[in-house]
Amino acid sequence: MVPVECFFVLSAILFFTGVFGFVTRRNMVAMLVSIELVLNAVDLNFAAFNRLLFPEQMEGMFFTLFSIGVSAAESAVAIAIILNAYHHFNSDKVTSIKNMKL
């Protein structure tokens, strides 16, 4: 059986990789993938804390499933926005659409 601490270490690596990718990338798709890495780190923490604190109960697993559903909906909306921005500006770089107006 894998110790719970390994899940926390993996979650921290995923989280900081996602934050670093979001801060350093200027491509909107790469930024979306970085946000997904952060959300996956949160999901892993939900499951690991559930296993650590309440091994007989499933609340952390249900939070994780709910979070995965929200992440999927968020990804669909973000991809639609990225496609619309690409259609309008012919670029998926953040710097090219920095001066968007309402």
PDB file of N, CA and C in Angstrom:
ATOM      1  N   MET A   1       0.839  -1.176   0.000  1.00  0.00           N
ATOM      2  CA  MET A   1       0.000   0.000   0.000  1.00  0.00           C
ATOM      3  C   MET A   1       0.892   1.251   0.000  1.00  0.00           C
ATOM      4  N   VAL A   2       0.492   2.224  -0.783  1.00  0.00           N
ATOM      5  CA  VAL A   2       1.261   3.465  -0.916  1.00  0.00           C
ATOM      6  C   VAL A   2       0.964   4.376   0.281  1.00  0.00           C
ATOM      7  N   PRO A   3       1.991   4.916   0.934  1.00  0.00           N
ATOM      8  CA  PRO A   3       1.742   5.829   2.064  1.00  0.00           C
ATOM      9  C   PRO A   3       1.061   7.121   1.590  1.00  0.00           C
ATOM     10  N   VAL A   4       0.273   7.697   2.482  1.00  0.00           N
ATOM     11  CA  VAL A   4      -0.482   8.910   2.157  1.00  0.00           C
ATOM     12  C   VAL A   4       0.455  10.080   1.878  1.00  0.00           C
ATOM     13  N   GLU A   5       1.608  10.084   2.504  1.00  0.00           N
ATOM     14  CA  GLU A   5       2.559  11.185   2.300  1.00  0.00           C
ATOM     15  C   GLU A   5       3.019  11.269   0.846  1.00  0.00           C
ATOM     16  N   CYS A   6       3.092  10.142   0.175  1.00  0.00           N
ATOM     17  CA  CYS A   6       3.476  10.150  -1.246  1.00  0.00           C
ATOM     18  C   CYS A   6       2.439  10.882  -2.088  1.00  0.00           C
ATOM     19  N   PHE A   7       1.161  10.736  -1.722  1.00  0.00           N
ATOM     20  CA  PHE A   7       0.113  11.462  -2.439  1.00  0.00           C
ATOM     21  C   PHE A   7       0.218  12.962  -2.207  1.00  0.00           C
ATOM     22  N   PHE A   8       0.592  13.350  -0.990  1.00  0.00           N
ATOM     23  CA  PHE A   8       0.758  14.775  -0.702  1.00  0.00           C
ATOM     24  C   PHE A   8       1.941  15.360  -1.466  1.00  0.00           C
ATOM     25  N   VAL A   9       3.015  14.604  -1.568  1.00  0.00           N
ATOM     26  CA  VAL A   9       4.188  15.070  -2.328  1.00  0.00           C
ATOM     27  C   VAL A   9       3.838  15.203  -3.804  1.00  0.00           C
ATOM     28  N   LEU A  10       3.145  14.199  -4.347  1.00  0.00           N
ATOM     29  CA  LEU A  10       2.719  14.257  -5.749  1.00  0.00           C
ATOM     30  C   LEU A  10       1.779  15.429  -5.983  1.00  0.00           C
ATOM     31  N   SER A  11       0.884  15.662  -5.052  1.00  0.00           N
ATOM     32  CA  SER A  11      -0.044  16.787  -5.170  1.00  0.00           C
ATOM     33  C   SER A  11       0.698  18.121  -5.154  1.00  0.00           C
ATOM     34  N   ALA A  12       1.695  18.251  -4.298  1.00  0.00           N
ATOM     35  CA  ALA A  12       2.480  19.490  -4.248  1.00  0.00           C
ATOM     36  C   ALA A  12       3.237  19.696  -5.546  1.00  0.00           C
ATOM     37  N   ILE A  13       3.796  18.618  -6.101  1.00  0.00           N
ATOM     38  CA  ILE A  13       4.520  18.732  -7.373  1.00  0.00           C
ATOM     39  C   ILE A  13       3.571  19.154  -8.489  1.00  0.00           C
ATOM     40  N   LEU A  14       2.382  18.550  -8.539  1.00  0.00           N
ATOM     41  CA  LEU A  14       1.393  18.934  -9.553  1.00  0.00           C
ATOM     42  C   LEU A  14       0.977  20.392  -9.389  1.00  0.00           C
ATOM     43  N   PHE A  15       0.748  20.800  -8.150  1.00  0.00           N
ATOM     44  CA  PHE A  15       0.299  22.168  -7.899  1.00  0.00           C
ATOM     45  C   PHE A  15       1.342  23.185  -8.340  1.00  0.00           C
ATOM     46  N   PHE A  16       2.591  23.001  -7.913  1.00  0.00           N
ATOM     47  CA  PHE A  16       3.613  23.986  -8.253  1.00  0.00           C
ATOM     48  C   PHE A  16       3.993  23.939  -9.730  1.00  0.00           C
ATOM     49  N   THR A  17       3.886  22.769 -10.351  1.00  0.00           N
ATOM     50  CA  THR A  17       4.090  22.698 -11.805  1.00  0.00           C
ATOM     51  C   THR A  17       3.003  23.481 -12.531  1.00  0.00           C
ATOM     52  N   GLY A  18       1.759  23.360 -12.064  1.00  0.00           N
ATOM     53  CA  GLY A  18       0.657  24.106 -12.668  1.00  0.00           C
ATOM     54  C   GLY A  18       0.797  25.604 -12.480  1.00  0.00           C
ATOM     55  N   VAL A  19       1.178  26.023 -11.290  1.00  0.00           N
ATOM     56  CA  VAL A  19       1.365  27.458 -11.036  1.00  0.00           C
ATOM     57  C   VAL A  19       2.511  28.006 -11.877  1.00  0.00           C
ATOM     58  N   PHE A  20       3.628  27.267 -11.934  1.00  0.00           N
ATOM     59  CA  PHE A  20       4.763  27.709 -12.738  1.00  0.00           C
ATOM     60  C   PHE A  20       4.384  27.787 -14.222  1.00  0.00           C
ATOM     61  N   GLY A  21       3.655  26.789 -14.711  1.00  0.00           N
ATOM     62  CA  GLY A  21       3.227  26.805 -16.108  1.00  0.00           C
ATOM     63  C   GLY A  21       2.282  27.945 -16.413  1.00  0.00           C
ATOM     64  N   PHE A  22       1.395  28.260 -15.472  1.00  0.00           N
ATOM     65  CA  PHE A  22       0.456  29.356 -15.702  1.00  0.00           C
ATOM     66  C   PHE A  22       1.163  30.698 -15.731  1.00  0.00           C
ATOM     67  N   VAL A  23       2.148  30.874 -14.867  1.00  0.00           N
ATOM     68  CA  VAL A  23       2.847  32.160 -14.778  1.00  0.00           C
ATOM     69  C   VAL A  23       3.791  32.363 -15.954  1.00  0.00           C
ATOM     70  N   THR A  24       4.421  31.297 -16.434  1.00  0.00           N
ATOM     71  CA  THR A  24       5.449  31.456 -17.463  1.00  0.00           C
ATOM     72  C   THR A  24       4.931  31.342 -18.893  1.00  0.00           C
ATOM     73  N   ARG A  25       3.798  30.750 -19.114  1.00  0.00           N
ATOM     74  CA  ARG A  25       3.307  30.546 -20.487  1.00  0.00           C
ATOM     75  C   ARG A  25       2.472  31.728 -20.948  1.00  0.00           C
ATOM     76  N   ARG A  26       2.481  31.975 -22.227  1.00  0.00           N
ATOM     77  CA  ARG A  26       1.652  33.014 -22.819  1.00  0.00           C
ATOM     78  C   ARG A  26       0.645  32.437 -23.807  1.00  0.00           C
ATOM     79  N   ASN A  27       0.661  31.155 -23.997  1.00  0.00           N
ATOM     80  CA  ASN A  27      -0.292  30.472 -24.855  1.00  0.00           C
ATOM     81  C   ASN A  27      -1.511  30.115 -24.006  1.00  0.00           C
ATOM     82  N   MET A  28      -2.704  30.460 -24.469  1.00  0.00           N
ATOM     83  CA  MET A  28      -3.901  30.246 -23.662  1.00  0.00           C
ATOM     84  C   MET A  28      -4.190  28.771 -23.422  1.00  0.00           C
ATOM     85  N   VAL A  29      -3.897  27.917 -24.376  1.00  0.00           N
ATOM     86  CA  VAL A  29      -4.133  26.485 -24.195  1.00  0.00           C
ATOM     87  C   VAL A  29      -3.175  25.925 -23.141  1.00  0.00           C
ATOM     88  N   ALA A  30      -1.927  26.344 -23.172  1.00  0.00           N
ATOM     89  CA  ALA A  30      -0.962  25.904 -22.158  1.00  0.00           C
ATOM     90  C   ALA A  30      -1.361  26.417 -20.780  1.00  0.00           C
ATOM     91  N   MET A  31      -1.914  27.620 -20.711  1.00  0.00           N
ATOM     92  CA  MET A  31      -2.387  28.141 -19.434  1.00  0.00           C
ATOM     93  C   MET A  31      -3.577  27.330 -18.925  1.00  0.00           C
ATOM     94  N   LEU A  32      -4.451  26.908 -19.829  1.00  0.00           N
ATOM     95  CA  LEU A  32      -5.587  26.079 -19.443  1.00  0.00           C
ATOM     96  C   LEU A  32      -5.122  24.730 -18.907  1.00  0.00           C
ATOM     97  N   VAL A  33      -4.128  24.134 -19.538  1.00  0.00           N
ATOM     98  CA  VAL A  33      -3.572  22.869 -19.058  1.00  0.00           C
ATOM     99  C   VAL A  33      -2.944  23.056 -17.682  1.00  0.00           C
ATOM    100  N   SER A  34      -2.301  24.182 -17.456  1.00  0.00           N
ATOM    101  CA  SER A  34      -1.706  24.459 -16.152  1.00  0.00           C
ATOM    102  C   SER A  34      -2.775  24.595 -15.075  1.00  0.00           C
ATOM    103  N   ILE A  35      -3.872  25.233 -15.395  1.00  0.00           N
ATOM    104  CA  ILE A  35      -4.977  25.338 -14.441  1.00  0.00           C
ATOM    105  C   ILE A  35      -5.542  23.957 -14.136  1.00  0.00           C
ATOM    106  N   GLU A  36      -5.621  23.109 -15.146  1.00  0.00           N
ATOM    107  CA  GLU A  36      -6.103  21.745 -14.921  1.00  0.00           C
ATOM    108  C   GLU A  36      -5.160  20.966 -14.012  1.00  0.00           C
ATOM    109  N   LEU A  37      -3.858  21.202 -14.127  1.00  0.00           N
ATOM    110  CA  LEU A  37      -2.907  20.553 -13.219  1.00  0.00           C
ATOM    111  C   LEU A  37      -3.154  20.982 -11.772  1.00  0.00           C
ATOM    112  N   VAL A  38      -3.428  22.252 -11.574  1.00  0.00           N
ATOM    113  CA  VAL A  38      -3.714  22.746 -10.221  1.00  0.00           C
ATOM    114  C   VAL A  38      -4.996  22.096  -9.693  1.00  0.00           C
ATOM    115  N   LEU A  39      -6.021  22.015 -10.513  1.00  0.00           N
ATOM    116  CA  LEU A  39      -7.272  21.403 -10.075  1.00  0.00           C
ATOM    117  C   LEU A  39      -7.104  19.912  -9.793  1.00  0.00           C
ATOM    118  N   ASN A  40      -6.267  19.232 -10.557  1.00  0.00           N
ATOM    119  CA  ASN A  40      -6.002  17.825 -10.284  1.00  0.00           C
ATOM    120  C   ASN A  40      -5.240  17.649  -8.971  1.00  0.00           C
ATOM    121  N   ALA A  41      -4.369  18.592  -8.645  1.00  0.00           N
ATOM    122  CA  ALA A  41      -3.678  18.545  -7.352  1.00  0.00           C
ATOM    123  C   ALA A  41      -4.680  18.682  -6.209  1.00  0.00           C
ATOM    124  N   VAL A  42      -5.655  19.545  -6.366  1.00  0.00           N
ATOM    125  CA  VAL A  42      -6.692  19.711  -5.350  1.00  0.00           C
ATOM    126  C   VAL A  42      -7.504  18.428  -5.210  1.00  0.00           C
ATOM    127  N   ASP A  43      -7.857  17.814  -6.327  1.00  0.00           N
ATOM    128  CA  ASP A  43      -8.606  16.556  -6.281  1.00  0.00           C
ATOM    129  C   ASP A  43      -7.818  15.466  -5.571  1.00  0.00           C
ATOM    130  N   LEU A  44      -6.548  15.397  -5.834  1.00  0.00           N
ATOM    131  CA  LEU A  44      -5.703  14.402  -5.176  1.00  0.00           C
ATOM    132  C   LEU A  44      -5.623  14.666  -3.666  1.00  0.00           C
ATOM    133  N   ASN A  45      -5.585  15.929  -3.286  1.00  0.00           N
ATOM    134  CA  ASN A  45      -5.591  16.263  -1.860  1.00  0.00           C
ATOM    135  C   ASN A  45      -6.910  15.881  -1.200  1.00  0.00           C
ATOM    136  N   PHE A  46      -8.032  16.108  -1.863  1.00  0.00           N
ATOM    137  CA  PHE A  46      -9.322  15.678  -1.315  1.00  0.00           C
ATOM    138  C   PHE A  46      -9.307  14.189  -1.007  1.00  0.00           C
ATOM    139  N   ALA A  47      -8.872  13.392  -1.973  1.00  0.00           N
ATOM    140  CA  ALA A  47      -8.867  11.946  -1.787  1.00  0.00           C
ATOM    141  C   ALA A  47      -7.867  11.507  -0.721  1.00  0.00           C
ATOM    142  N   ALA A  48      -6.696  12.128  -0.685  1.00  0.00           N
ATOM    143  CA  ALA A  48      -5.674  11.742   0.290  1.00  0.00           C
ATOM    144  C   ALA A  48      -6.092  12.122   1.710  1.00  0.00           C
ATOM    145  N   PHE A  49      -6.641  13.317   1.891  1.00  0.00           N
ATOM    146  CA  PHE A  49      -7.092  13.697   3.217  1.00  0.00           C
ATOM    147  C   PHE A  49      -8.262  12.844   3.678  1.00  0.00           C
ATOM    148  N   ASN A  50      -9.129  12.447   2.752  1.00  0.00           N
ATOM    149  CA  ASN A  50     -10.212  11.542   3.113  1.00  0.00           C
ATOM    150  C   ASN A  50      -9.656  10.210   3.598  1.00  0.00           C
ATOM    151  N   ARG A  51      -8.660   9.693   2.902  1.00  0.00           N
ATOM    152  CA  ARG A  51      -8.051   8.428   3.299  1.00  0.00           C
ATOM    153  C   ARG A  51      -7.313   8.550   4.628  1.00  0.00           C
ATOM    154  N   LEU A  52      -6.700   9.702   4.877  1.00  0.00           N
ATOM    155  CA  LEU A  52      -5.938   9.900   6.103  1.00  0.00           C
ATOM    156  C   LEU A  52      -6.849  10.120   7.311  1.00  0.00           C
ATOM    157  N   LEU A  53      -7.834  10.984   7.172  1.00  0.00           N
ATOM    158  CA  LEU A  53      -8.650  11.371   8.318  1.00  0.00           C
ATOM    159  C   LEU A  53      -9.856  10.464   8.558  1.00  0.00           C
ATOM    160  N   PHE A  54     -10.526  10.072   7.474  1.00  0.00           N
ATOM    161  CA  PHE A  54     -11.737   9.263   7.589  1.00  0.00           C
ATOM    162  C   PHE A  54     -11.652   8.078   6.630  1.00  0.00           C
ATOM    163  N   PRO A  55     -10.878   7.060   6.962  1.00  0.00           N
ATOM    164  CA  PRO A  55     -10.663   5.965   6.003  1.00  0.00           C
ATOM    165  C   PRO A  55     -11.908   5.151   5.681  1.00  0.00           C
ATOM    166  N   GLU A  56     -12.910   5.177   6.556  1.00  0.00           N
ATOM    167  CA  GLU A  56     -14.112   4.379   6.314  1.00  0.00           C
ATOM    168  C   GLU A  56     -15.199   5.151   5.574  1.00  0.00           C
ATOM    169  N   GLN A  57     -15.036   6.449   5.411  1.00  0.00           N
ATOM    170  CA  GLN A  57     -16.075   7.273   4.803  1.00  0.00           C
ATOM    171  C   GLN A  57     -15.644   7.723   3.414  1.00  0.00           C
ATOM    172  N   MET A  58     -16.602   8.257   2.644  1.00  0.00           N
ATOM    173  CA  MET A  58     -16.346   8.578   1.237  1.00  0.00           C
ATOM    174  C   MET A  58     -16.569  10.053   0.890  1.00  0.00           C
ATOM    175  N   GLU A  59     -16.592  10.946   1.870  1.00  0.00           N
ATOM    176  CA  GLU A  59     -16.874  12.349   1.564  1.00  0.00           C
ATOM    177  C   GLU A  59     -15.815  12.964   0.653  1.00  0.00           C
ATOM    178  N   GLY A  60     -14.561  12.685   0.899  1.00  0.00           N
ATOM    179  CA  GLY A  60     -13.498  13.228   0.058  1.00  0.00           C
ATOM    180  C   GLY A  60     -13.595  12.747  -1.375  1.00  0.00           C
ATOM    181  N   MET A  61     -14.015  11.486  -1.543  1.00  0.00           N
ATOM    182  CA  MET A  61     -14.172  10.951  -2.896  1.00  0.00           C
ATOM    183  C   MET A  61     -15.324  11.645  -3.627  1.00  0.00           C
ATOM    184  N   PHE A  62     -16.408  11.941  -2.903  1.00  0.00           N
ATOM    185  CA  PHE A  62     -17.527  12.639  -3.531  1.00  0.00           C
ATOM    186  C   PHE A  62     -17.156  14.075  -3.889  1.00  0.00           C
ATOM    187  N   PHE A  63     -16.389  14.737  -3.014  1.00  0.00           N
ATOM    188  CA  PHE A  63     -15.889  16.074  -3.354  1.00  0.00           C
ATOM    189  C   PHE A  63     -14.999  16.015  -4.589  1.00  0.00           C
ATOM    190  N   THR A  64     -14.189  14.979  -4.685  1.00  0.00           N
ATOM    191  CA  THR A  64     -13.310  14.823  -5.838  1.00  0.00           C
ATOM    192  C   THR A  64     -14.116  14.632  -7.119  1.00  0.00           C
ATOM    193  N   LEU A  65     -15.137  13.788  -7.075  1.00  0.00           N
ATOM    194  CA  LEU A  65     -15.978  13.583  -8.257  1.00  0.00           C
ATOM    195  C   LEU A  65     -16.706  14.863  -8.655  1.00  0.00           C
ATOM    196  N   PHE A  66     -17.197  15.613  -7.670  1.00  0.00           N
ATOM    197  CA  PHE A  66     -17.841  16.888  -7.960  1.00  0.00           C
ATOM    198  C   PHE A  66     -16.860  17.866  -8.586  1.00  0.00           C
ATOM    199  N   SER A  67     -15.650  17.898  -8.051  1.00  0.00           N
ATOM    200  CA  SER A  67     -14.622  18.797  -8.574  1.00  0.00           C
ATOM    201  C   SER A  67     -14.217  18.421 -10.002  1.00  0.00           C
ATOM    202  N   ILE A  68     -14.167  17.129 -10.294  1.00  0.00           N
ATOM    203  CA  ILE A  68     -13.849  16.699 -11.659  1.00  0.00           C
ATOM    204  C   ILE A  68     -14.933  17.154 -12.627  1.00  0.00           C
ATOM    205  N   GLY A  69     -16.192  17.067 -12.205  1.00  0.00           N
ATOM    206  CA  GLY A  69     -17.293  17.548 -13.053  1.00  0.00           C
ATOM    207  C   GLY A  69     -17.222  19.038 -13.297  1.00  0.00           C
ATOM    208  N   VAL A  70     -16.917  19.800 -12.256  1.00  0.00           N
ATOM    209  CA  VAL A  70     -16.779  21.255 -12.406  1.00  0.00           C
ATOM    210  C   VAL A  70     -15.589  21.581 -13.307  1.00  0.00           C
ATOM    211  N   SER A  71     -14.500  20.836 -13.171  1.00  0.00           N
ATOM    212  CA  SER A  71     -13.315  21.064 -14.012  1.00  0.00           C
ATOM    213  C   SER A  71     -13.619  20.785 -15.480  1.00  0.00           C
ATOM    214  N   ALA A  72     -14.410  19.754 -15.743  1.00  0.00           N
ATOM    215  CA  ALA A  72     -14.771  19.446 -17.129  1.00  0.00           C
ATOM    216  C   ALA A  72     -15.623  20.561 -17.727  1.00  0.00           C
ATOM    217  N   ALA A  73     -16.577  21.074 -16.962  1.00  0.00           N
ATOM    218  CA  ALA A  73     -17.404  22.178 -17.458  1.00  0.00           C
ATOM    219  C   ALA A  73     -16.565  23.435 -17.654  1.00  0.00           C
ATOM    220  N   GLU A  74     -15.654  23.686 -16.738  1.00  0.00           N
ATOM    221  CA  GLU A  74     -14.776  24.853 -16.859  1.00  0.00           C
ATOM    222  C   GLU A  74     -13.892  24.746 -18.086  1.00  0.00           C
ATOM    223  N   SER A  75     -13.410  23.559 -18.366  1.00  0.00           N
ATOM    224  CA  SER A  75     -12.560  23.356 -19.547  1.00  0.00           C
ATOM    225  C   SER A  75     -13.340  23.584 -20.835  1.00  0.00           C
ATOM    226  N   ALA A  76     -14.569  23.119 -20.872  1.00  0.00           N
ATOM    227  CA  ALA A  76     -15.388  23.315 -22.070  1.00  0.00           C
ATOM    228  C   ALA A  76     -15.641  24.799 -22.328  1.00  0.00           C
ATOM    229  N   VAL A  77     -15.949  25.544 -21.286  1.00  0.00           N
ATOM    230  CA  VAL A  77     -16.183  26.986 -21.438  1.00  0.00           C
ATOM    231  C   VAL A  77     -14.888  27.685 -21.834  1.00  0.00           C
ATOM    232  N   ALA A  78     -13.773  27.313 -21.219  1.00  0.00           N
ATOM    233  CA  ALA A  78     -12.493  27.951 -21.537  1.00  0.00           C
ATOM    234  C   ALA A  78     -12.073  27.669 -22.981  1.00  0.00           C
ATOM    235  N   ILE A  79     -12.277  26.447 -23.451  1.00  0.00           N
ATOM    236  CA  ILE A  79     -11.927  26.133 -24.839  1.00  0.00           C
ATOM    237  C   ILE A  79     -12.804  26.923 -25.799  1.00  0.00           C
ATOM    238  N   ALA A  80     -14.089  27.101 -25.471  1.00  0.00           N
ATOM    239  CA  ALA A  80     -14.967  27.917 -26.317  1.00  0.00           C
ATOM    240  C   ALA A  80     -14.488  29.363 -26.360  1.00  0.00           C
ATOM    241  N   ILE A  81     -14.065  29.894 -25.236  1.00  0.00           N
ATOM    242  CA  ILE A  81     -13.549  31.273 -25.198  1.00  0.00           C
ATOM    243  C   ILE A  81     -12.255  31.377 -25.993  1.00  0.00           C
ATOM    244  N   ILE A  82     -11.374  30.397 -25.859  1.00  0.00           N
ATOM    245  CA  ILE A  82     -10.112  30.411 -26.602  1.00  0.00           C
ATOM    246  C   ILE A  82     -10.366  30.344 -28.104  1.00  0.00           C
ATOM    247  N   LEU A  83     -11.295  29.490 -28.519  1.00  0.00           N
ATOM    248  CA  LEU A  83     -11.618  29.409 -29.949  1.00  0.00           C
ATOM    249  C   LEU A  83     -12.213  30.705 -30.473  1.00  0.00           C
ATOM    250  N   ASN A  84     -13.050  31.350 -29.677  1.00  0.00           N
ATOM    251  CA  ASN A  84     -13.623  32.630 -30.086  1.00  0.00           C
ATOM    252  C   ASN A  84     -12.542  33.701 -30.181  1.00  0.00           C
ATOM    253  N   ALA A  85     -11.634  33.736 -29.231  1.00  0.00           N
ATOM    254  CA  ALA A  85     -10.538  34.711 -29.272  1.00  0.00           C
ATOM    255  C   ALA A  85      -9.618  34.432 -30.456  1.00  0.00           C
ATOM    256  N   TYR A  86      -9.363  33.168 -30.740  1.00  0.00           N
ATOM    257  CA  TYR A  86      -8.517  32.829 -31.882  1.00  0.00           C
ATOM    258  C   TYR A  86      -9.189  33.239 -33.187  1.00  0.00           C
ATOM    259  N   HIS A  87     -10.495  33.036 -33.273  1.00  0.00           N
ATOM    260  CA  HIS A  87     -11.226  33.432 -34.484  1.00  0.00           C
ATOM    261  C   HIS A  87     -11.189  34.948 -34.673  1.00  0.00           C
ATOM    262  N   HIS A  88     -11.253  35.689 -33.583  1.00  0.00           N
ATOM    263  CA  HIS A  88     -11.296  37.149 -33.678  1.00  0.00           C
ATOM    264  C   HIS A  88      -9.910  37.759 -33.869  1.00  0.00           C
ATOM    265  N   PHE A  89      -8.883  37.239 -33.184  1.00  0.00           N
ATOM    266  CA  PHE A  89      -7.560  37.846 -33.195  1.00  0.00           C
ATOM    267  C   PHE A  89      -6.530  37.070 -34.012  1.00  0.00           C
ATOM    268  N   ASN A  90      -6.885  35.878 -34.506  1.00  0.00           N
ATOM    269  CA  ASN A  90      -5.980  35.005 -35.270  1.00  0.00           C
ATOM    270  C   ASN A  90      -4.702  34.665 -34.509  1.00  0.00           C
ATOM    271  N   SER A  91      -4.807  34.554 -33.199  1.00  0.00           N
ATOM    272  CA  SER A  91      -3.671  34.195 -32.362  1.00  0.00           C
ATOM    273  C   SER A  91      -4.202  33.652 -31.043  1.00  0.00           C
ATOM    274  N   ASP A  92      -3.452  32.723 -30.462  1.00  0.00           N
ATOM    275  CA  ASP A  92      -3.845  32.208 -29.154  1.00  0.00           C
ATOM    276  C   ASP A  92      -2.893  32.694 -28.066  1.00  0.00           C
ATOM    277  N   LYS A  93      -2.132  33.712 -28.371  1.00  0.00           N
ATOM    278  CA  LYS A  93      -1.216  34.297 -27.389  1.00  0.00           C
ATOM    279  C   LYS A  93      -1.960  35.336 -26.551  1.00  0.00           C
ATOM    280  N   VAL A  94      -1.643  35.369 -25.290  1.00  0.00           N
ATOM    281  CA  VAL A  94      -2.299  36.313 -24.387  1.00  0.00           C
ATOM    282  C   VAL A  94      -1.891  37.746 -24.721  1.00  0.00           C
ATOM    283  N   THR A  95      -0.663  37.939 -25.151  1.00  0.00           N
ATOM    284  CA  THR A  95      -0.187  39.302 -25.431  1.00  0.00           C
ATOM    285  C   THR A  95      -0.904  39.931 -26.620  1.00  0.00           C
ATOM    286  N   SER A  96      -1.412  39.122 -27.542  1.00  0.00           N
ATOM    287  CA  SER A  96      -2.082  39.691 -28.711  1.00  0.00           C
ATOM    288  C   SER A  96      -3.508  40.126 -28.413  1.00  0.00           C
ATOM    289  N   ILE A  97      -4.086  39.621 -27.340  1.00  0.00           N
ATOM    290  CA  ILE A  97      -5.461  40.009 -27.005  1.00  0.00           C
ATOM    291  C   ILE A  97      -5.514  40.761 -25.684  1.00  0.00           C
ATOM    292  N   LYS A  98      -4.397  41.348 -25.285  1.00  0.00           N
ATOM    293  CA  LYS A  98      -4.329  42.045 -24.012  1.00  0.00           C
ATOM    294  C   LYS A  98      -5.239  43.266 -23.986  1.00  0.00           C
ATOM    295  N   ASN A  99      -5.462  43.887 -25.104  1.00  0.00           N
ATOM    296  CA  ASN A  99      -6.237  45.132 -25.152  1.00  0.00           C
ATOM    297  C   ASN A  99      -7.669  44.891 -25.597  1.00  0.00           C
ATOM    298  N   MET A 100      -8.281  43.814 -25.093  1.00  0.00           N
ATOM    299  CA  MET A 100      -9.668  43.528 -25.445  1.00  0.00           C
ATOM    300  C   MET A 100     -10.579  44.575 -24.818  1.00  0.00           C
ATOM    301  N   LYS A 101     -11.637  44.920 -25.553  1.00  0.00           N
ATOM    302  CA  LYS A 101     -12.621  45.882 -25.070  1.00  0.00           C
ATOM    303  C   LYS A 101     -13.978  45.213 -25.039  1.00  0.00           C
ATOM    304  N   LEU A 102     -14.832  45.681 -24.153  1.00  0.00           N
ATOM    305  CA  LEU A 102     -16.197  45.137 -24.066  1.00  0.00           C
ATOM    306  C   LEU A 102     -17.092  45.745 -25.093  1.00  0.00           C
TER     307      LEU A 102
END
